[in-house]
N, C-alpha and C. Protein backbone atom coordinates (compact mmCIF):
# COMPACT_ATOMS: atom_id res chain seq x y z
N MET A 1 27.08 -19.33 -46.31
CA MET A 1 28.75 -20.67 -46.38
C MET A 1 28.38 -21.11 -45.04
N THR A 2 28.70 -22.12 -45.24
CA THR A 2 28.98 -22.88 -43.80
C THR A 2 30.24 -22.42 -43.37
N LEU A 3 30.58 -22.93 -42.05
CA LEU A 3 31.58 -22.59 -41.64
C LEU A 3 32.98 -23.92 -42.17
N LEU A 4 32.47 -24.91 -42.92
CA LEU A 4 33.35 -25.83 -42.96
C LEU A 4 33.85 -24.94 -44.82
N ALA A 5 32.94 -24.72 -45.12
CA ALA A 5 33.37 -23.68 -46.48
C ALA A 5 34.14 -22.87 -46.48
N LEU A 6 33.84 -21.95 -45.52
CA LEU A 6 34.29 -20.63 -44.85
C LEU A 6 35.80 -20.63 -44.48
N PHE A 7 36.39 -22.05 -43.99
CA PHE A 7 37.63 -22.09 -43.83
C PHE A 7 38.24 -22.81 -44.64
N ALA A 8 37.67 -23.68 -45.53
CA ALA A 8 38.34 -23.85 -46.84
C ALA A 8 38.55 -22.93 -47.51
N HIS A 9 37.49 -21.79 -47.75
CA HIS A 9 38.03 -20.32 -48.65
C HIS A 9 39.05 -19.68 -48.15
N ARG A 10 38.85 -19.66 -46.71
CA ARG A 10 40.16 -18.54 -45.86
C ARG A 10 41.55 -18.99 -45.84
N SER A 11 41.61 -20.71 -46.01
CA SER A 11 42.81 -21.07 -45.98
C SER A 11 43.08 -21.24 -47.51
N LYS A 12 42.79 -21.21 -48.48
CA LYS A 12 42.91 -20.92 -49.90
C LYS A 12 43.82 -19.48 -50.27
N THR A 13 43.07 -18.49 -49.88
CA THR A 13 42.84 -17.21 -50.21
C THR A 13 44.15 -16.31 -49.52
N ASP A 14 44.04 -16.93 -47.99
CA ASP A 14 44.94 -16.01 -47.38
C ASP A 14 46.09 -16.77 -46.63
N PRO A 15 47.14 -16.40 -47.08
CA PRO A 15 48.54 -16.87 -46.62
C PRO A 15 48.67 -16.95 -45.10
N TRP A 16 48.34 -15.89 -44.71
CA TRP A 16 48.61 -15.82 -43.11
C TRP A 16 47.77 -16.47 -42.29
N TRP A 17 46.66 -17.24 -42.59
CA TRP A 17 45.53 -18.01 -42.17
C TRP A 17 46.20 -18.99 -41.00
N ASP A 18 46.92 -19.56 -41.19
CA ASP A 18 47.33 -20.73 -40.27
C ASP A 18 48.69 -19.80 -39.09
N LEU A 19 49.09 -18.94 -39.51
CA LEU A 19 50.13 -18.32 -38.48
C LEU A 19 49.47 -17.09 -37.47
N GLU A 20 48.00 -16.89 -37.62
CA GLU A 20 47.51 -15.82 -36.79
C GLU A 20 47.35 -16.16 -35.23
N GLY A 21 47.23 -17.84 -35.51
CA GLY A 21 46.68 -18.28 -34.07
C GLY A 21 45.15 -18.46 -34.14
N VAL A 22 45.04 -19.53 -33.22
CA VAL A 22 43.41 -19.82 -33.02
C VAL A 22 42.31 -18.71 -32.52
N ALA A 23 43.18 -17.81 -31.57
CA ALA A 23 42.06 -16.74 -30.85
C ALA A 23 41.89 -15.98 -32.16
N ALA A 24 43.05 -15.53 -33.26
CA ALA A 24 42.29 -14.66 -34.16
C ALA A 24 41.49 -15.55 -35.16
N ARG A 25 41.97 -16.20 -35.25
CA ARG A 25 40.42 -17.00 -36.31
C ARG A 25 39.10 -17.31 -35.68
N ARG A 26 39.27 -17.54 -34.54
CA ARG A 26 37.98 -17.98 -33.65
C ARG A 26 37.26 -16.12 -33.32
N HIS A 27 37.86 -15.17 -33.58
CA HIS A 27 37.79 -13.66 -33.34
C HIS A 27 36.94 -13.75 -34.50
N ARG A 28 37.46 -14.13 -35.77
CA ARG A 28 37.03 -13.72 -37.14
C ARG A 28 35.80 -14.73 -37.35
N VAL A 29 35.64 -15.69 -36.91
CA VAL A 29 34.60 -16.57 -36.97
C VAL A 29 33.58 -16.04 -36.63
N ARG A 30 33.86 -15.89 -35.05
CA ARG A 30 32.99 -14.92 -34.19
C ARG A 30 31.93 -13.75 -34.70
N ARG A 31 32.87 -12.76 -35.10
CA ARG A 31 32.56 -11.78 -35.86
C ARG A 31 31.60 -11.82 -37.04
N GLN A 32 31.94 -12.77 -37.59
CA GLN A 32 31.17 -12.93 -39.22
C GLN A 32 29.92 -13.61 -38.74
N ALA A 33 29.57 -14.77 -37.58
CA ALA A 33 28.79 -15.28 -37.27
C ALA A 33 27.51 -13.95 -36.49
N VAL A 34 28.03 -13.36 -35.94
CA VAL A 34 27.42 -11.97 -35.20
C VAL A 34 27.10 -10.96 -36.37
N THR A 35 27.94 -11.03 -36.97
CA THR A 35 27.14 -9.84 -38.44
C THR A 35 25.93 -10.77 -39.23
N ALA A 36 26.01 -11.96 -39.46
CA ALA A 36 25.00 -12.43 -40.02
C ALA A 36 24.03 -12.82 -39.39
N ALA A 37 23.90 -12.96 -38.01
CA ALA A 37 22.80 -12.78 -36.93
C ALA A 37 22.07 -11.62 -37.32
N ALA A 38 22.60 -10.61 -36.94
CA ALA A 38 22.22 -9.29 -36.95
C ALA A 38 21.82 -8.75 -38.21
N PHE A 39 22.41 -9.07 -39.41
CA PHE A 39 21.61 -9.00 -40.49
C PHE A 39 20.38 -9.74 -40.80
N LEU A 40 20.52 -11.13 -40.86
CA LEU A 40 19.31 -11.74 -40.41
C LEU A 40 18.01 -11.01 -39.14
N ALA A 41 18.37 -10.25 -38.59
CA ALA A 41 17.38 -9.64 -37.58
C ALA A 41 16.79 -8.43 -38.06
N ALA A 42 17.75 -8.16 -38.58
CA ALA A 42 17.40 -6.58 -39.79
C ALA A 42 16.52 -7.26 -40.88
N GLU A 43 16.55 -8.45 -41.62
CA GLU A 43 15.63 -8.57 -42.29
C GLU A 43 14.68 -8.99 -42.11
N VAL A 44 14.61 -9.87 -41.09
CA VAL A 44 13.12 -10.13 -40.28
C VAL A 44 12.23 -8.99 -39.84
N ALA A 45 12.96 -7.91 -39.55
CA ALA A 45 12.07 -6.74 -38.95
C ALA A 45 11.95 -6.15 -40.04
N CYS A 46 12.43 -5.79 -40.80
CA CYS A 46 12.03 -5.07 -42.10
C CYS A 46 10.74 -5.84 -42.71
N GLY A 47 10.48 -7.20 -42.55
CA GLY A 47 9.80 -8.00 -43.60
C GLY A 47 8.34 -8.13 -42.45
N LEU A 48 8.80 -7.94 -41.29
CA LEU A 48 7.57 -8.00 -40.02
C LEU A 48 7.04 -6.53 -39.94
N THR A 49 7.53 -5.74 -40.50
CA THR A 49 7.19 -4.44 -40.70
C THR A 49 6.52 -3.61 -41.66
N LEU A 50 6.82 -4.29 -43.01
CA LEU A 50 6.19 -4.43 -44.36
C LEU A 50 4.91 -5.21 -44.34
N ALA A 51 4.51 -6.41 -43.54
CA ALA A 51 3.80 -7.05 -43.45
C ALA A 51 2.28 -6.62 -42.54
N VAL A 52 3.02 -5.71 -41.22
CA VAL A 52 2.06 -4.78 -40.81
C VAL A 52 1.48 -4.20 -41.43
N TRP A 53 2.46 -3.14 -42.34
CA TRP A 53 1.84 -2.23 -42.91
C TRP A 53 0.80 -2.63 -44.10
N VAL A 54 1.13 -3.91 -44.72
CA VAL A 54 0.14 -3.99 -45.53
C VAL A 54 -1.00 -4.53 -44.78
N ALA A 55 -0.87 -5.41 -44.11
CA ALA A 55 -2.07 -5.76 -43.43
C ALA A 55 -2.96 -4.68 -42.83
N ARG A 56 -2.52 -3.42 -42.68
CA ARG A 56 -3.51 -2.27 -41.98
C ARG A 56 -3.82 -1.35 -43.41
N LEU A 57 -2.98 -1.52 -44.52
CA LEU A 57 -3.68 -0.88 -45.59
C LEU A 57 -4.53 -1.41 -46.45
N VAL A 58 -4.49 -2.80 -46.70
CA VAL A 58 -5.38 -3.90 -47.48
C VAL A 58 -7.04 -3.60 -47.29
N PRO A 59 -7.13 -3.70 -46.32
CA PRO A 59 -8.95 -3.37 -45.79
C PRO A 59 -9.04 -1.99 -46.39
N ASP A 60 -8.21 -0.87 -46.11
CA ASP A 60 -8.69 0.35 -46.44
C ASP A 60 -8.26 1.00 -47.84
N LEU A 61 -7.87 -0.01 -49.21
CA LEU A 61 -7.44 0.11 -50.06
C LEU A 61 -8.35 0.99 -51.07
N PRO A 62 -9.85 -0.09 -51.01
CA PRO A 62 -10.50 0.62 -51.78
C PRO A 62 -10.99 1.99 -51.43
N ARG A 63 -10.97 2.45 -50.25
CA ARG A 63 -11.51 3.47 -49.68
C ARG A 63 -10.56 4.66 -49.71
N LEU A 64 -9.18 4.14 -49.86
CA LEU A 64 -8.15 5.34 -50.66
C LEU A 64 -8.00 5.55 -51.87
N LEU A 65 -8.73 4.54 -52.71
CA LEU A 65 -8.34 4.60 -53.91
C LEU A 65 -9.92 4.75 -54.68
N GLY A 66 -11.05 5.04 -54.00
CA GLY A 66 -11.96 5.30 -54.58
C GLY A 66 -12.57 6.52 -53.81
C-alpha cells in the first residue's frame, strides 16, 4: 500500500485523522514504515536461511535417501 493510498484510506475511515496533528500522523506513518521494513527483513532472512539449507542438503540427498 503506497503512502498516498494509506492517507486516503485513513482519512476515510478515521474521523479523528485531521484533528490529531501533524506529529501524530507522522509518528503513525513512521511506525508503519519501520514495521514494514522489519517484516521485509525477516522475510529475506528466512528466505536466505531456507536457500542455504537447500543448498547444503541437495548434494547429500542421494546419500541421505539411499
